[in-house]
PDB file of N, CA and C in Angstrom:
ATOM      1  N   MET A   1     -43.144  27.640 -33.879  1.00  0.00           N
ATOM      2  CA  MET A   1     -43.706  28.356 -34.631  1.00  0.00           C
ATOM      3  C   MET A   1     -42.806  29.877 -34.817  1.00  0.00           C
ATOM      4  N   VAL A   2     -43.254  30.563 -35.869  1.00  0.00           N
ATOM      5  CA  VAL A   2     -42.151  31.505 -36.435  1.00  0.00           C
ATOM      6  C   VAL A   2     -42.931  32.950 -36.292  1.00  0.00           C
ATOM      7  N   TYR A   3     -42.206  33.678 -35.534  1.00  0.00           N
ATOM      8  CA  TYR A   3     -43.041  35.279 -35.282  1.00  0.00           C
ATOM      9  C   TYR A   3     -41.423  36.088 -35.934  1.00  0.00           C
ATOM     10  N   ASN A   4     -42.251  37.381 -36.251  1.00  0.00           N
ATOM     11  CA  ASN A   4     -41.441  38.331 -36.669  1.00  0.00           C
ATOM     12  C   ASN A   4     -41.172  39.063 -35.404  1.00  0.00           C
ATOM     13  N   LYS A   5     -40.206  39.796 -35.355  1.00  0.00           N
ATOM     14  CA  LYS A   5     -39.235  40.261 -34.127  1.00  0.00           C
ATOM     15  C   LYS A   5     -40.614  41.358 -33.870  1.00  0.00           C
ATOM     16  N   ASP A   6     -41.253  41.991 -34.532  1.00  0.00           N
ATOM     17  CA  ASP A   6     -42.086  43.204 -33.671  1.00  0.00           C
ATOM     18  C   ASP A   6     -43.351  42.468 -33.351  1.00  0.00           C
ATOM     19  N   ASP A   7     -44.079  41.589 -33.938  1.00  0.00           N
ATOM     20  CA  ASP A   7     -45.025  40.758 -33.382  1.00  0.00           C
ATOM     21  C   ASP A   7     -44.547  40.131 -31.948  1.00  0.00           C
ATOM     22  N   TRP A   8     -43.420  39.377 -31.939  1.00  0.00           N
ATOM     23  CA  TRP A   8     -42.796  38.601 -30.661  1.00  0.00           C
ATOM     24  C   TRP A   8     -42.840  39.864 -29.500  1.00  0.00           C
ATOM     25  N   ILE A   9     -42.101  40.998 -29.943  1.00  0.00           N
ATOM     26  CA  ILE A   9     -41.919  42.109 -28.580  1.00  0.00           C
ATOM     27  C   ILE A   9     -43.331  42.134 -28.352  1.00  0.00           C
ATOM     28  N   SER A  10     -44.305  42.636 -29.077  1.00  0.00           N
ATOM     29  CA  SER A  10     -45.677  43.289 -28.987  1.00  0.00           C
ATOM     30  C   SER A  10     -46.059  42.240 -27.996  1.00  0.00           C
ATOM     31  N   GLN A  11     -46.435  40.758 -28.200  1.00  0.00           N
ATOM     32  CA  GLN A  11     -46.858  39.828 -27.572  1.00  0.00           C
ATOM     33  C   GLN A  11     -46.183  39.755 -26.131  1.00  0.00           C
ATOM     34  N   ARG A  12     -45.009  39.618 -26.017  1.00  0.00           N
ATOM     35  CA  ARG A  12     -44.343  39.703 -24.859  1.00  0.00           C
ATOM     36  C   ARG A  12     -44.295  40.807 -23.931  1.00  0.00           C
ATOM     37  N   ALA A  13     -44.645  42.181 -24.666  1.00  0.00           N
ATOM     38  CA  ALA A  13     -44.529  43.101 -24.041  1.00  0.00           C
ATOM     39  C   ALA A  13     -46.520  43.272 -22.896  1.00  0.00           C
ATOM     40  N   TYR A  14     -47.323  42.606 -23.906  1.00  0.00           N
ATOM     41  CA  TYR A  14     -48.601  42.483 -23.341  1.00  0.00           C
ATOM     42  C   TYR A  14     -48.587  41.247 -22.277  1.00  0.00           C
ATOM     43  N   ALA A  15     -47.778  40.505 -22.323  1.00  0.00           N
ATOM     44  CA  ALA A  15     -47.802  39.566 -21.093  1.00  0.00           C
ATOM     45  C   ALA A  15     -47.223  40.044 -19.959  1.00  0.00           C
ATOM     46  N   ILE A  16     -45.671  40.856 -20.604  1.00  0.00           N
ATOM     47  CA  ILE A  16     -45.378  41.263 -19.196  1.00  0.00           C
ATOM     48  C   ILE A  16     -46.210  42.347 -18.305  1.00  0.00           C
ATOM     49  N   TRP A  17     -47.163  43.198 -19.330  1.00  0.00           N
ATOM     50  CA  TRP A  17     -48.265  44.494 -18.458  1.00  0.00           C
ATOM     51  C   TRP A  17     -48.887  43.238 -18.009  1.00  0.00           C
ATOM     52  N   GLU A  18     -49.617  42.360 -18.355  1.00  0.00           N
ATOM     53  CA  GLU A  18     -50.472  41.768 -17.503  1.00  0.00           C
ATOM     54  C   GLU A  18     -49.890  40.724 -16.431  1.00  0.00           C
ATOM     55  N   GLU A  19     -48.755  40.292 -16.312  1.00  0.00           N
ATOM     56  CA  GLU A  19     -48.140  39.836 -15.233  1.00  0.00           C
ATOM     57  C   GLU A  19     -48.218  40.879 -14.001  1.00  0.00           C
ATOM     58  N   GLU A  20     -47.771  42.215 -14.313  1.00  0.00           N
ATOM     59  CA  GLU A  20     -47.296  43.252 -13.427  1.00  0.00           C
ATOM     60  C   GLU A  20     -48.564  43.803 -12.870  1.00  0.00           C
ATOM     61  N   GLY A  21     -49.781  42.952 -13.602  1.00  0.00           N
ATOM     62  CA  GLY A  21     -51.004  43.700 -12.910  1.00  0.00           C
ATOM     63  C   GLY A  21     -51.606  44.807 -13.441  1.00  0.00           C
ATOM     64  N   ARG A  22     -51.675  44.982 -14.826  1.00  0.00           N
ATOM     65  CA  ARG A  22     -51.801  45.776 -16.006  1.00  0.00           C
ATOM     66  C   ARG A  22     -51.761  47.555 -15.608  1.00  0.00           C
ATOM     67  N   PRO A  23     -50.680  47.553 -15.196  1.00  0.00           N
ATOM     68  CA  PRO A  23     -50.291  49.061 -14.421  1.00  0.00           C
ATOM     69  C   PRO A  23     -50.293  50.045 -15.398  1.00  0.00           C
ATOM     70  N   PHE A  24     -50.545  51.276 -15.398  1.00  0.00           N
ATOM     71  CA  PHE A  24     -50.945  52.286 -16.407  1.00  0.00           C
ATOM     72  C   PHE A  24     -49.603  53.014 -16.591  1.00  0.00           C
ATOM     73  N   GLY A  25     -48.916  53.411 -17.891  1.00  0.00           N
ATOM     74  CA  GLY A  25     -47.978  54.179 -18.347  1.00  0.00           C
ATOM     75  C   GLY A  25     -46.827  53.581 -18.106  1.00  0.00           C
ATOM     76  N   ARG A  26     -46.591  52.054 -18.128  1.00  0.00           N
ATOM     77  CA  ARG A  26     -45.466  51.296 -18.103  1.00  0.00           C
ATOM     78  C   ARG A  26     -45.514  50.784 -19.364  1.00  0.00           C
ATOM     79  N   GLU A  27     -45.766  51.178 -20.657  1.00  0.00           N
ATOM     80  CA  GLU A  27     -45.612  50.782 -21.886  1.00  0.00           C
ATOM     81  C   GLU A  27     -44.244  50.718 -22.470  1.00  0.00           C
ATOM     82  N   THR A  28     -43.742  51.710 -22.165  1.00  0.00           N
ATOM     83  CA  THR A  28     -42.105  52.035 -22.901  1.00  0.00           C
ATOM     84  C   THR A  28     -41.529  50.841 -21.718  1.00  0.00           C
ATOM     85  N   GLU A  29     -41.468  50.747 -20.836  1.00  0.00           N
ATOM     86  CA  GLU A  29     -40.611  49.916 -20.056  1.00  0.00           C
ATOM     87  C   GLU A  29     -40.678  48.511 -20.292  1.00  0.00           C
ATOM     88  N   ASN A  30     -42.386  48.290 -20.507  1.00  0.00           N
ATOM     89  CA  ASN A  30     -42.419  46.731 -20.940  1.00  0.00           C
ATOM     90  C   ASN A  30     -42.211  46.613 -22.420  1.00  0.00           C
ATOM     91  N   TRP A  31     -42.176  47.530 -23.428  1.00  0.00           N
ATOM     92  CA  TRP A  31     -41.358  47.188 -24.652  1.00  0.00           C
ATOM     93  C   TRP A  31     -39.894  47.053 -24.694  1.00  0.00           C
ATOM     94  N   GLN A  32     -39.334  48.053 -23.741  1.00  0.00           N
ATOM     95  CA  GLN A  32     -37.716  47.573 -23.907  1.00  0.00           C
ATOM     96  C   GLN A  32     -37.438  46.350 -23.113  1.00  0.00           C
ATOM     97  N   GLN A  33     -38.188  45.948 -22.365  1.00  0.00           N
ATOM     98  CA  GLN A  33     -38.008  44.819 -21.677  1.00  0.00           C
ATOM     99  C   GLN A  33     -38.033  43.589 -22.251  1.00  0.00           C
ATOM    100  N   ALA A  34     -39.226  43.468 -23.288  1.00  0.00           N
ATOM    101  CA  ALA A  34     -39.602  42.586 -24.185  1.00  0.00           C
ATOM    102  C   ALA A  34     -38.561  42.567 -25.261  1.00  0.00           C
ATOM    103  N   ALA A  35     -38.156  43.742 -25.855  1.00  0.00           N
ATOM    104  CA  ALA A  35     -37.162  43.683 -26.906  1.00  0.00           C
ATOM    105  C   ALA A  35     -35.873  43.272 -26.274  1.00  0.00           C
ATOM    106  N   ALA A  36     -35.519  43.413 -25.226  1.00  0.00           N
ATOM    107  CA  ALA A  36     -34.264  42.699 -24.377  1.00  0.00           C
ATOM    108  C   ALA A  36     -34.462  41.300 -24.401  1.00  0.00           C
ATOM    109  N   GLU A  37     -35.409  40.952 -23.932  1.00  0.00           N
ATOM    110  CA  GLU A  37     -35.591  39.419 -23.929  1.00  0.00           C
ATOM    111  C   GLU A  37     -35.514  38.879 -25.589  1.00  0.00           C
ATOM    112  N   PHE A  38     -36.130  39.212 -26.550  1.00  0.00           N
ATOM    113  CA  PHE A  38     -35.832  39.257 -27.535  1.00  0.00           C
ATOM    114  C   PHE A  38     -34.711  38.776 -28.273  1.00  0.00           C
ATOM    115  N   ASP A  39     -34.020  39.855 -27.956  1.00  0.00           N
ATOM    116  CA  ASP A  39     -32.371  40.146 -28.161  1.00  0.00           C
ATOM    117  C   ASP A  39     -31.336  38.988 -27.759  1.00  0.00           C
ATOM    118  N   GLN A  40     -32.066  38.646 -26.289  1.00  0.00           N
ATOM    119  CA  GLN A  40     -31.230  37.691 -25.547  1.00  0.00           C
ATOM    120  C   GLN A  40     -31.644  36.413 -25.865  1.00  0.00           C
ATOM    121  N   LEU A  41     -32.694  36.384 -26.417  1.00  0.00           N
ATOM    122  CA  LEU A  41     -33.366  34.735 -27.164  1.00  0.00           C
ATOM    123  C   LEU A  41     -32.553  34.674 -28.522  1.00  0.00           C
ATOM    124  N   GLN A  42     -32.444  35.379 -28.946  1.00  0.00           N
ATOM    125  CA  GLN A  42     -31.617  35.435 -30.494  1.00  0.00           C
ATOM    126  C   GLN A  42     -30.304  35.283 -30.152  1.00  0.00           C
ATOM    127  N   THR A  43     -29.403  35.593 -29.276  1.00  0.00           N
ATOM    128  CA  THR A  43     -28.140  35.320 -29.261  1.00  0.00           C
ATOM    129  C   THR A  43     -27.657  33.701 -28.692  1.00  0.00           C
ATOM    130  N   THR A  44     -28.586  33.340 -27.998  1.00  0.00           N
ATOM    131  CA  THR A  44     -28.836  32.083 -27.216  1.00  0.00           C
ATOM    132  C   THR A  44     -29.423  31.185 -27.966  1.00  0.00           C
ATOM    133  N   LYS A  45     -30.070  31.275 -28.703  1.00  0.00           N
ATOM    134  CA  LYS A  45     -31.171  30.360 -29.589  1.00  0.00           C
ATOM    135  C   LYS A  45     -30.274  29.022 -29.975  1.00  0.00           C
ATOM    136  N   ALA A  46     -31.002  28.008 -29.740  1.00  0.00           N
ATOM    137  CA  ALA A  46     -30.578  26.791 -30.233  1.00  0.00           C
ATOM    138  C   ALA A  46     -31.601  26.302 -31.444  1.00  0.00           C
ATOM    139  N   SER A  47     -31.067  25.333 -32.038  1.00  0.00           N
ATOM    140  CA  SER A  47     -31.785  24.871 -33.096  1.00  0.00           C
ATOM    141  C   SER A  47     -32.769  23.970 -32.837  1.00  0.00           C
ATOM    142  N   ILE A  48     -33.849  24.094 -33.408  1.00  0.00           N
ATOM    143  CA  ILE A  48     -35.508  23.454 -33.098  1.00  0.00           C
ATOM    144  C   ILE A  48     -35.154  21.866 -32.963  1.00  0.00           C
ATOM    145  N   ASP A  49     -34.135  21.351 -33.377  1.00  0.00           N
ATOM    146  CA  ASP A  49     -34.101  19.923 -33.333  1.00  0.00           C
ATOM    147  C   ASP A  49     -32.999  19.484 -32.272  1.00  0.00           C
ATOM    148  N   GLY A  50     -32.329  20.710 -31.702  1.00  0.00           N
ATOM    149  CA  GLY A  50     -31.537  20.426 -31.050  1.00  0.00           C
ATOM    150  C   GLY A  50     -30.034  20.116 -31.372  1.00  0.00           C
ATOM    151  N   THR A  51     -29.861  19.953 -32.519  1.00  0.00           N
ATOM    152  CA  THR A  51     -28.490  19.105 -33.318  1.00  0.00           C
ATOM    153  C   THR A  51     -27.533  20.165 -32.676  1.00  0.00           C
ATOM    154  N   ASP A  52     -27.320  21.581 -32.656  1.00  0.00           N
ATOM    155  CA  ASP A  52     -26.467  22.148 -32.283  1.00  0.00           C
ATOM    156  C   ASP A  52     -25.900  22.137 -30.801  1.00  0.00           C
ATOM    157  N   LEU A  53     -26.790  21.594 -30.070  1.00  0.00           N
ATOM    158  CA  LEU A  53     -26.407  21.400 -28.724  1.00  0.00           C
ATOM    159  C   LEU A  53     -25.983  19.909 -28.349  1.00  0.00           C
ATOM    160  N   ILE A  54     -26.462  19.026 -29.306  1.00  0.00           N
ATOM    161  CA  ILE A  54     -25.763  17.661 -29.362  1.00  0.00           C
ATOM    162  C   ILE A  54     -24.570  17.712 -29.551  1.00  0.00           C
ATOM    163  N   ALA A  55     -24.169  18.665 -30.673  1.00  0.00           N
ATOM    164  CA  ALA A  55     -22.852  18.598 -31.382  1.00  0.00           C
ATOM    165  C   ALA A  55     -21.841  19.394 -30.181  1.00  0.00           C
ATOM    166  N   MET A  56     -22.253  20.196 -29.432  1.00  0.00           N
ATOM    167  CA  MET A  56     -21.373  21.093 -28.386  1.00  0.00           C
ATOM    168  C   MET A  56     -21.132  19.980 -27.255  1.00  0.00           C
ATOM    169  N   LEU A  57     -22.116  19.265 -27.075  1.00  0.00           N
ATOM    170  CA  LEU A  57     -21.955  18.356 -26.079  1.00  0.00           C
ATOM    171  C   LEU A  57     -21.084  17.085 -26.258  1.00  0.00           C
ATOM    172  N   ARG A  58     -21.222  16.803 -27.517  1.00  0.00           N
ATOM    173  CA  ARG A  58     -20.381  15.459 -27.793  1.00  0.00           C
ATOM    174  C   ARG A  58     -18.820  16.182 -28.154  1.00  0.00           C
ATOM    175  N   ALA A  59     -18.910  17.644 -28.588  1.00  0.00           N
ATOM    176  CA  ALA A  59     -17.199  18.184 -28.612  1.00  0.00           C
ATOM    177  C   ALA A  59     -16.615  18.241 -27.116  1.00  0.00           C
ATOM    178  N   THR A  60     -17.634  18.635 -25.993  1.00  0.00           N
ATOM    179  CA  THR A  60     -17.028  18.789 -24.584  1.00  0.00           C
ATOM    180  C   THR A  60     -16.504  17.193 -24.223  1.00  0.00           C
ATOM    181  N   GLY A  61     -17.384  16.532 -24.517  1.00  0.00           N
ATOM    182  CA  GLY A  61     -17.060  15.090 -23.884  1.00  0.00           C
ATOM    183  C   GLY A  61     -15.791  14.584 -24.699  1.00  0.00           C
ATOM    184  N   ARG A  62     -15.592  14.929 -26.119  1.00  0.00           N
ATOM    185  CA  ARG A  62     -14.264  14.843 -26.508  1.00  0.00           C
ATOM    186  C   ARG A  62     -13.194  15.523 -25.942  1.00  0.00           C
ATOM    187  N   LEU A  63     -13.232  16.936 -25.348  1.00  0.00           N
ATOM    188  CA  LEU A  63     -12.405  17.791 -24.718  1.00  0.00           C
ATOM    189  C   LEU A  63     -12.221  16.870 -23.642  1.00  0.00           C
ATOM    190  N   MET A  64     -13.053  16.292 -22.858  1.00  0.00           N
ATOM    191  CA  MET A  64     -12.991  16.117 -21.470  1.00  0.00           C
ATOM    192  C   MET A  64     -12.074  14.569 -21.600  1.00  0.00           C
ATOM    193  N   ARG A  65     -12.406  13.945 -22.526  1.00  0.00           N
ATOM    194  CA  ARG A  65     -11.420  12.515 -22.759  1.00  0.00           C
ATOM    195  C   ARG A  65     -10.209  12.824 -23.150  1.00  0.00           C
ATOM    196  N   GLU A  66      -9.747  13.990 -23.916  1.00  0.00           N
ATOM    197  CA  GLU A  66      -8.641  14.183 -24.153  1.00  0.00           C
ATOM    198  C   GLU A  66      -7.819  14.411 -23.134  1.00  0.00           C
ATOM    199  N   SER A  67      -8.600  15.563 -22.046  1.00  0.00           N
ATOM    200  CA  SER A  67      -7.901  16.019 -20.947  1.00  0.00           C
ATOM    201  C   SER A  67      -7.727  15.115 -19.818  1.00  0.00           C
ATOM    202  N   ASP A  68      -8.774  13.898 -20.156  1.00  0.00           N
ATOM    203  CA  ASP A  68      -8.333  12.670 -18.955  1.00  0.00           C
ATOM    204  C   ASP A  68      -7.163  11.885 -19.471  1.00  0.00           C
ATOM    205  N   LYS A  69      -6.861  11.635 -20.691  1.00  0.00           N
ATOM    206  CA  LYS A  69      -5.640  11.091 -21.309  1.00  0.00           C
ATOM    207  C   LYS A  69      -4.348  12.062 -20.934  1.00  0.00           C
ATOM    208  N   ASP A  70      -4.542  13.255 -21.023  1.00  0.00           N
ATOM    209  CA  ASP A  70      -3.558  13.995 -20.657  1.00  0.00           C
ATOM    210  C   ASP A  70      -3.179  13.757 -19.124  1.00  0.00           C
ATOM    211  N   ARG A  71      -3.965  13.613 -18.415  1.00  0.00           N
ATOM    212  CA  ARG A  71      -3.934  13.369 -17.068  1.00  0.00           C
ATOM    213  C   ARG A  71      -3.086  12.126 -16.708  1.00  0.00           C
ATOM    214  N   ALA A  72      -3.740  11.498 -17.262  1.00  0.00           N
ATOM    215  CA  ALA A  72      -3.096  10.164 -17.366  1.00  0.00           C
ATOM    216  C   ALA A  72      -1.947   9.997 -17.668  1.00  0.00           C
ATOM    217  N   ARG A  73      -1.314  10.547 -18.475  1.00  0.00           N
ATOM    218  CA  ARG A  73      -0.013  10.444 -18.971  1.00  0.00           C
ATOM    219  C   ARG A  73       0.755  10.885 -17.916  1.00  0.00           C
ATOM    220  N   ILE A  74       0.249  12.327 -17.609  1.00  0.00           N
ATOM    221  CA  ILE A  74       1.227  12.963 -16.712  1.00  0.00           C
ATOM    222  C   ILE A  74       1.651  12.269 -15.343  1.00  0.00           C
ATOM    223  N   VAL A  75       0.207  11.397 -15.069  1.00  0.00           N
ATOM    224  CA  VAL A  75       0.670  10.490 -13.651  1.00  0.00           C
ATOM    225  C   VAL A  75       1.178   9.368 -14.111  1.00  0.00           C
ATOM    226  N   GLN A  76       1.385   8.844 -15.034  1.00  0.00           N
ATOM    227  CA  GLN A  76       2.090   7.799 -15.303  1.00  0.00           C
ATOM    228  C   GLN A  76       3.567   7.905 -15.766  1.00  0.00           C
ATOM    229  N   ASP A  77       4.008   9.423 -16.177  1.00  0.00           N
ATOM    230  CA  ASP A  77       5.234   9.649 -16.327  1.00  0.00           C
ATOM    231  C   ASP A  77       5.878   9.949 -15.014  1.00  0.00           C
ATOM    232  N   ARG A  78       5.013  10.656 -13.783  1.00  0.00           N
ATOM    233  CA  ARG A  78       5.521  10.682 -12.554  1.00  0.00           C
ATOM    234  C   ARG A  78       5.613   9.740 -11.816  1.00  0.00           C
ATOM    235  N   SER A  79       5.179   8.667 -12.110  1.00  0.00           N
ATOM    236  CA  SER A  79       5.135   7.116 -11.522  1.00  0.00           C
ATOM    237  C   SER A  79       6.363   6.555 -11.871  1.00  0.00           C
ATOM    238  N   THR A  80       6.828   6.648 -13.455  1.00  0.00           N
ATOM    239  CA  THR A  80       8.236   6.084 -13.953  1.00  0.00           C
ATOM    240  C   THR A  80       9.001   6.886 -13.312  1.00  0.00           C
ATOM    241  N   ILE A  81       9.266   8.345 -13.296  1.00  0.00           N
ATOM    242  CA  ILE A  81      10.051   9.284 -12.789  1.00  0.00           C
ATOM    243  C   ILE A  81      10.819   8.853 -11.366  1.00  0.00           C
ATOM    244  N   ALA A  82       9.349   8.538 -10.778  1.00  0.00           N
ATOM    245  CA  ALA A  82       9.660   8.165  -9.062  1.00  0.00           C
ATOM    246  C   ALA A  82      10.253   7.024  -8.729  1.00  0.00           C
ATOM    247  N   LYS A  83      10.079   6.178  -9.587  1.00  0.00           N
ATOM    248  CA  LYS A  83      10.720   4.740  -9.355  1.00  0.00           C
ATOM    249  C   LYS A  83      12.342   4.676  -9.402  1.00  0.00           C
ATOM    250  N   PRO A  84      13.051   3.964  -8.508  1.00  0.00           N
ATOM    251  CA  PRO A  84      14.645   4.233  -8.654  1.00  0.00           C
ATOM    252  C   PRO A  84      14.928   3.087  -9.523  1.00  0.00           C
TER     253      PRO A  84
END
């Protein structure tokens, strides 16, 4: 579902207020917390279908495989050097 920023923050601030037991006089703090959460979600947002996460995991896998190959080469080089 698509929200605009103010609607999302408003709904989240209301939810925070309810979670806290509906205290009086905390509107500003609840709004600020909701706004901070919205900003955090925007900076860490993944795509809806997860393709960005899949791409990141594949890239990480490639890096790990390359790293393993490098380690294997180092071990192999050390074993050849150690032989008389």
